[in-house]
Amino acid sequence: MKRILSILKEKWPEYILEILVITIGILGAFALNNWNEQNKNRIFEKEILSLINENLSKDSILLTEEYQKAVLANQITDSILNRVNQGIFDETLNLWMGKVIRFERFKSQSSGFEVLKSKGIDLLSVQKLKIDLINYYDEILFKVYQANSDVEGSFNEDWIPLVKKEFSDFDYDDRMEPNDLQAFIENPQHIVLFKMFQDNREGAIYRMRVALAEISSLKAQIKSQLE
């Protein structure tokens, strides 16, 4: 370096050399700051992706539980309708109705994504992961909430008034006992209500299935980034 400066001094005025040295120093400092900033961003990216991955794991557990309950409820609805067609009216129907006349509850664990949004989602280095996270939290989950809300709305508006009027016992998610089981279950309007509730829940089942598939895809992408 000293040899280079000696040669430059012979050819260039001293003030030009000073400007050159200052410029090189500024550019070096800028490059170092830029490297430090990029390094901080990568550290933050790994930390926030780890948190989002934990959130997604919890979402997967909670969604799977509610999804399985919803699928079971619709399968049991078919069994109830088959029993009615066969003219079988026993305690099993009370237990089955307890599994059907209910709704699914789900709340996403989204703390990691909220932190990411507050810091700036552009801090993520992979464009596809960015887009997929936005799609999951802003689109897919919205549709899950909306579908589950439809089921809950039907439960509150259609079933609760009926339960208050025609049931002697109501143990949520366990057992329901009409005042007159056979008369209740054979009522054509009640049969229609079971079918409508089943159809309504089918929408929630589909939305939860889509969400679970997206969680699996996101976790695979995050794993790739963290390795």
Protein backbone atom coordinates (compact mmCIF):
# COMPACT_ATOMS: atom_id res chain seq x y z
CA MET A 1 0.00 0.00 0.00
CA LYS A 2 2.86 2.37 0.89
CA ARG A 3 4.52 1.58 -2.45
CA ILE A 4 1.28 2.40 -4.29
CA LEU A 5 0.91 5.71 -2.43
CA SER A 6 4.54 6.57 -3.19
CA ILE A 7 3.99 6.02 -6.90
CA LEU A 8 0.75 8.04 -6.85
CA LYS A 9 2.45 10.93 -5.07
CA GLU A 10 4.96 11.14 -7.88
CA LYS A 11 2.21 11.46 -10.53
CA TRP A 12 -0.73 13.20 -8.76
CA PRO A 13 -0.94 16.36 -6.70
CA GLU A 14 -1.23 15.74 -2.97
CA TYR A 15 -4.75 17.21 -2.70
CA ILE A 16 -6.03 14.73 -5.27
CA LEU A 17 -4.56 11.90 -3.25
CA GLU A 18 -6.29 13.20 -0.12
CA ILE A 19 -9.60 13.28 -1.96
CA LEU A 20 -8.98 9.77 -3.24
CA VAL A 21 -8.14 8.44 0.22
CA ILE A 22 -11.23 10.11 1.73
CA THR A 23 -13.44 8.71 -1.05
CA ILE A 24 -12.06 5.22 -0.57
CA GLY A 25 -12.63 5.55 3.18
CA ILE A 26 -16.24 6.67 2.70
CA LEU A 27 -16.96 3.88 0.23
CA GLY A 28 -15.36 1.35 2.57
CA ALA A 29 -17.41 2.59 5.52
CA PHE A 30 -20.56 2.51 3.41
CA ALA A 31 -19.82 -1.05 2.27
CA LEU A 32 -19.16 -2.11 5.86
CA ASN A 33 -22.39 -0.50 7.09
CA ASN A 34 -24.28 -2.13 4.24
CA TRP A 35 -22.80 -5.52 5.12
CA ASN A 36 -23.67 -5.03 8.79
CA GLU A 37 -27.23 -4.07 7.88
CA GLN A 38 -27.64 -7.08 5.61
CA ASN A 39 -26.23 -9.31 8.33
CA LYS A 40 -28.72 -7.90 10.85
CA ASN A 41 -31.54 -8.48 8.37
CA ARG A 42 -30.50 -12.11 7.87
CA ILE A 43 -30.36 -12.67 11.63
CA PHE A 44 -33.79 -11.09 12.03
CA GLU A 45 -35.13 -13.14 9.12
CA LYS A 46 -34.06 -16.40 10.73
CA GLU A 47 -35.44 -15.39 14.13
CA ILE A 48 -38.81 -14.27 12.75
CA LEU A 49 -39.13 -17.33 10.50
CA SER A 50 -38.46 -19.55 13.51
CA LEU A 51 -41.27 -17.81 15.39
CA ILE A 52 -43.63 -18.01 12.41
CA ASN A 53 -42.78 -21.70 12.08
CA GLU A 54 -43.77 -22.25 15.73
CA ASN A 55 -47.02 -20.34 15.13
CA LEU A 56 -47.78 -22.46 12.07
CA SER A 57 -47.14 -25.66 14.04
CA LYS A 58 -49.69 -24.57 16.64
CA ASP A 59 -52.13 -23.58 13.90
CA SER A 60 -51.72 -27.02 12.37
CA ILE A 61 -52.51 -28.76 15.67
CA LEU A 62 -55.55 -26.60 16.42
CA LEU A 63 -56.89 -26.73 12.87
CA THR A 64 -56.43 -30.49 12.62
CA GLU A 65 -58.41 -30.96 15.82
CA GLU A 66 -61.32 -28.81 14.61
CA TYR A 67 -61.15 -30.30 11.12
CA GLN A 68 -61.45 -33.82 12.50
CA LYS A 69 -64.39 -32.80 14.68
CA ALA A 70 -66.14 -31.25 11.68
CA VAL A 71 -65.57 -34.29 9.47
CA LEU A 72 -66.82 -36.56 12.26
CA ALA A 73 -69.90 -34.36 12.77
CA ASN A 74 -70.85 -34.68 9.11
CA GLN A 75 -70.26 -38.43 9.13
CA ILE A 76 -72.44 -38.75 12.23
CA THR A 77 -75.14 -36.66 10.55
CA ASP A 78 -75.31 -39.31 7.83
CA SER A 79 -75.60 -41.97 10.54
CA ILE A 80 -78.44 -40.06 12.23
CA LEU A 81 -80.35 -39.79 8.97
CA ASN A 82 -79.82 -43.49 8.30
CA ARG A 83 -81.15 -44.38 11.75
CA VAL A 84 -84.24 -42.28 11.13
CA ASN A 85 -84.83 -44.06 7.80
CA GLN A 86 -84.51 -47.39 9.60
CA GLY A 87 -86.92 -46.28 12.34
CA ILE A 88 -84.36 -46.76 15.13
CA PHE A 89 -84.70 -44.25 17.99
CA ASP A 90 -82.42 -44.87 20.97
CA GLU A 91 -79.89 -43.23 23.29
CA THR A 92 -77.25 -43.38 20.54
CA LEU A 93 -79.10 -40.60 18.70
CA ASN A 94 -78.82 -38.32 21.76
CA LEU A 95 -75.07 -38.90 21.90
CA TRP A 96 -74.69 -38.39 18.17
CA MET A 97 -76.63 -35.13 18.20
CA GLY A 98 -74.21 -33.87 20.85
CA LYS A 99 -71.39 -34.29 18.30
CA VAL A 100 -73.36 -32.67 15.49
CA ILE A 101 -75.14 -29.71 17.07
CA ARG A 102 -72.00 -27.73 17.81
CA PHE A 103 -69.56 -25.49 15.95
CA GLU A 104 -65.81 -25.33 15.37
CA ARG A 105 -63.60 -22.80 17.14
CA PHE A 106 -60.21 -21.71 15.78
CA LYS A 107 -57.92 -18.70 16.33
CA SER A 108 -54.62 -18.51 14.48
CA GLN A 109 -51.34 -17.96 16.31
CA SER A 110 -50.10 -14.99 14.28
CA SER A 111 -47.65 -13.14 16.57
CA GLY A 112 -44.67 -13.84 14.28
CA PHE A 113 -46.39 -12.53 11.16
CA GLU A 114 -47.59 -9.42 13.02
CA VAL A 115 -44.02 -8.63 14.10
CA LEU A 116 -42.82 -9.19 10.53
CA LYS A 117 -45.44 -6.80 9.17
CA SER A 118 -44.48 -4.13 11.71
CA LYS A 119 -40.79 -4.42 10.76
CA GLY A 120 -41.47 -4.65 7.03
CA ILE A 121 -42.28 -7.86 5.19
CA ASP A 122 -39.74 -6.92 2.49
CA LEU A 123 -37.05 -7.98 4.97
CA LEU A 124 -37.74 -11.54 3.82
CA SER A 125 -35.32 -12.52 1.08
CA VAL A 126 -37.51 -15.03 -0.77
CA GLN A 127 -40.34 -13.53 -2.80
CA LYS A 128 -42.47 -16.69 -2.99
CA LEU A 129 -42.39 -17.17 0.79
CA LYS A 130 -43.41 -13.54 1.21
CA ILE A 131 -46.40 -13.94 -1.11
CA ASP A 132 -47.44 -17.27 0.42
CA LEU A 133 -47.34 -15.90 3.98
CA ILE A 134 -49.51 -12.96 2.99
CA ASN A 135 -51.89 -15.32 1.21
CA TYR A 136 -52.16 -17.59 4.26
CA TYR A 137 -52.67 -14.92 6.91
CA ASP A 138 -54.73 -12.44 4.90
CA GLU A 139 -56.72 -14.65 2.52
CA ILE A 140 -56.86 -18.31 3.55
CA LEU A 141 -57.39 -17.68 7.26
CA PHE A 142 -60.03 -15.06 6.50
CA LYS A 143 -62.00 -17.69 4.58
CA VAL A 144 -61.55 -20.22 7.40
CA TYR A 145 -62.91 -17.71 9.92
CA GLN A 146 -65.77 -16.82 7.61
CA ALA A 147 -66.74 -20.47 7.01
CA ASN A 148 -66.55 -21.33 10.72
CA SER A 149 -68.56 -18.20 11.50
CA ASP A 150 -71.29 -19.41 9.14
CA VAL A 151 -71.51 -22.69 11.08
CA GLU A 152 -71.54 -20.85 14.41
CA GLY A 153 -74.20 -18.47 13.10
CA SER A 154 -76.43 -21.37 12.10
CA PHE A 155 -75.87 -22.96 15.51
CA ASN A 156 -76.93 -19.78 17.31
CA GLU A 157 -79.78 -18.79 15.01
CA ASP A 158 -81.26 -22.17 14.06
CA TRP A 159 -80.36 -24.68 16.74
CA ILE A 160 -80.29 -22.73 20.02
CA PRO A 161 -83.94 -21.54 19.78
CA LEU A 162 -84.94 -25.11 18.93
CA VAL A 163 -82.91 -26.56 21.80
CA LYS A 164 -84.50 -24.15 24.28
CA LYS A 165 -87.95 -25.11 23.07
CA GLU A 166 -87.76 -28.86 22.48
CA PHE A 167 -84.84 -30.28 24.50
CA SER A 168 -84.79 -31.41 28.12
CA ASP A 169 -81.00 -31.82 28.29
CA PHE A 170 -78.10 -30.14 26.48
CA ASP A 171 -74.44 -30.96 27.17
CA TYR A 172 -72.37 -29.21 24.51
CA ASP A 173 -70.25 -31.58 22.41
CA ASP A 174 -71.42 -34.55 24.46
CA ARG A 175 -75.15 -35.33 24.59
CA MET A 176 -78.49 -33.78 23.66
CA GLU A 177 -81.91 -35.07 24.67
CA PRO A 178 -85.15 -33.89 23.05
CA ASN A 179 -88.38 -34.01 25.06
CA ASP A 180 -89.69 -36.58 22.55
CA LEU A 181 -86.81 -38.08 20.59
CA GLN A 182 -88.85 -39.85 17.90
CA ALA A 183 -91.19 -36.92 17.30
CA PHE A 184 -88.27 -34.52 17.11
CA ILE A 185 -86.10 -36.58 14.82
CA GLU A 186 -88.93 -37.52 12.44
CA ASN A 187 -90.04 -33.91 11.96
CA PRO A 188 -89.34 -33.09 8.27
CA GLN A 189 -88.27 -29.54 9.18
CA HIS A 190 -85.69 -30.91 11.60
CA ILE A 191 -84.39 -33.33 9.01
CA VAL A 192 -83.92 -30.41 6.62
CA LEU A 193 -82.11 -28.51 9.36
CA PHE A 194 -79.68 -31.39 9.88
CA LYS A 195 -78.98 -31.48 6.13
CA MET A 196 -78.52 -27.71 5.89
CA PHE A 197 -76.17 -27.71 8.88
CA GLN A 198 -74.21 -30.53 7.29
CA ASP A 199 -73.91 -28.64 4.02
CA ASN A 200 -72.86 -25.47 5.86
CA ARG A 201 -70.17 -27.36 7.74
CA GLU A 202 -68.88 -28.86 4.49
CA GLY A 203 -67.70 -25.38 3.51
CA ALA A 204 -65.73 -25.07 6.75
CA ILE A 205 -64.20 -28.51 6.22
CA TYR A 206 -62.98 -27.47 2.77
CA ARG A 207 -61.49 -24.19 4.01
CA MET A 208 -59.70 -25.89 6.89
CA ARG A 209 -58.32 -28.51 4.51
CA VAL A 210 -56.94 -25.76 2.25
CA ALA A 211 -55.38 -24.01 5.27
CA LEU A 212 -53.70 -27.21 6.48
CA ALA A 213 -52.22 -27.82 3.02
CA GLU A 214 -50.89 -24.25 2.93
CA ILE A 215 -49.36 -24.62 6.40
CA SER A 216 -47.51 -27.73 5.21
CA SER A 217 -46.17 -25.83 2.19
CA LEU A 218 -45.10 -22.84 4.28
CA LYS A 219 -43.31 -24.97 6.85
CA ALA A 220 -41.38 -26.72 4.07
CA GLN A 221 -40.29 -23.36 2.65
CA ILE A 222 -39.30 -22.03 6.06
CA LYS A 223 -37.34 -25.18 6.84
CA SER A 224 -35.39 -24.69 3.63
CA GLN A 225 -34.58 -21.11 4.62
CA LEU A 226 -33.47 -22.02 8.12
CA GLU A 227 -31.15 -24.83 7.06
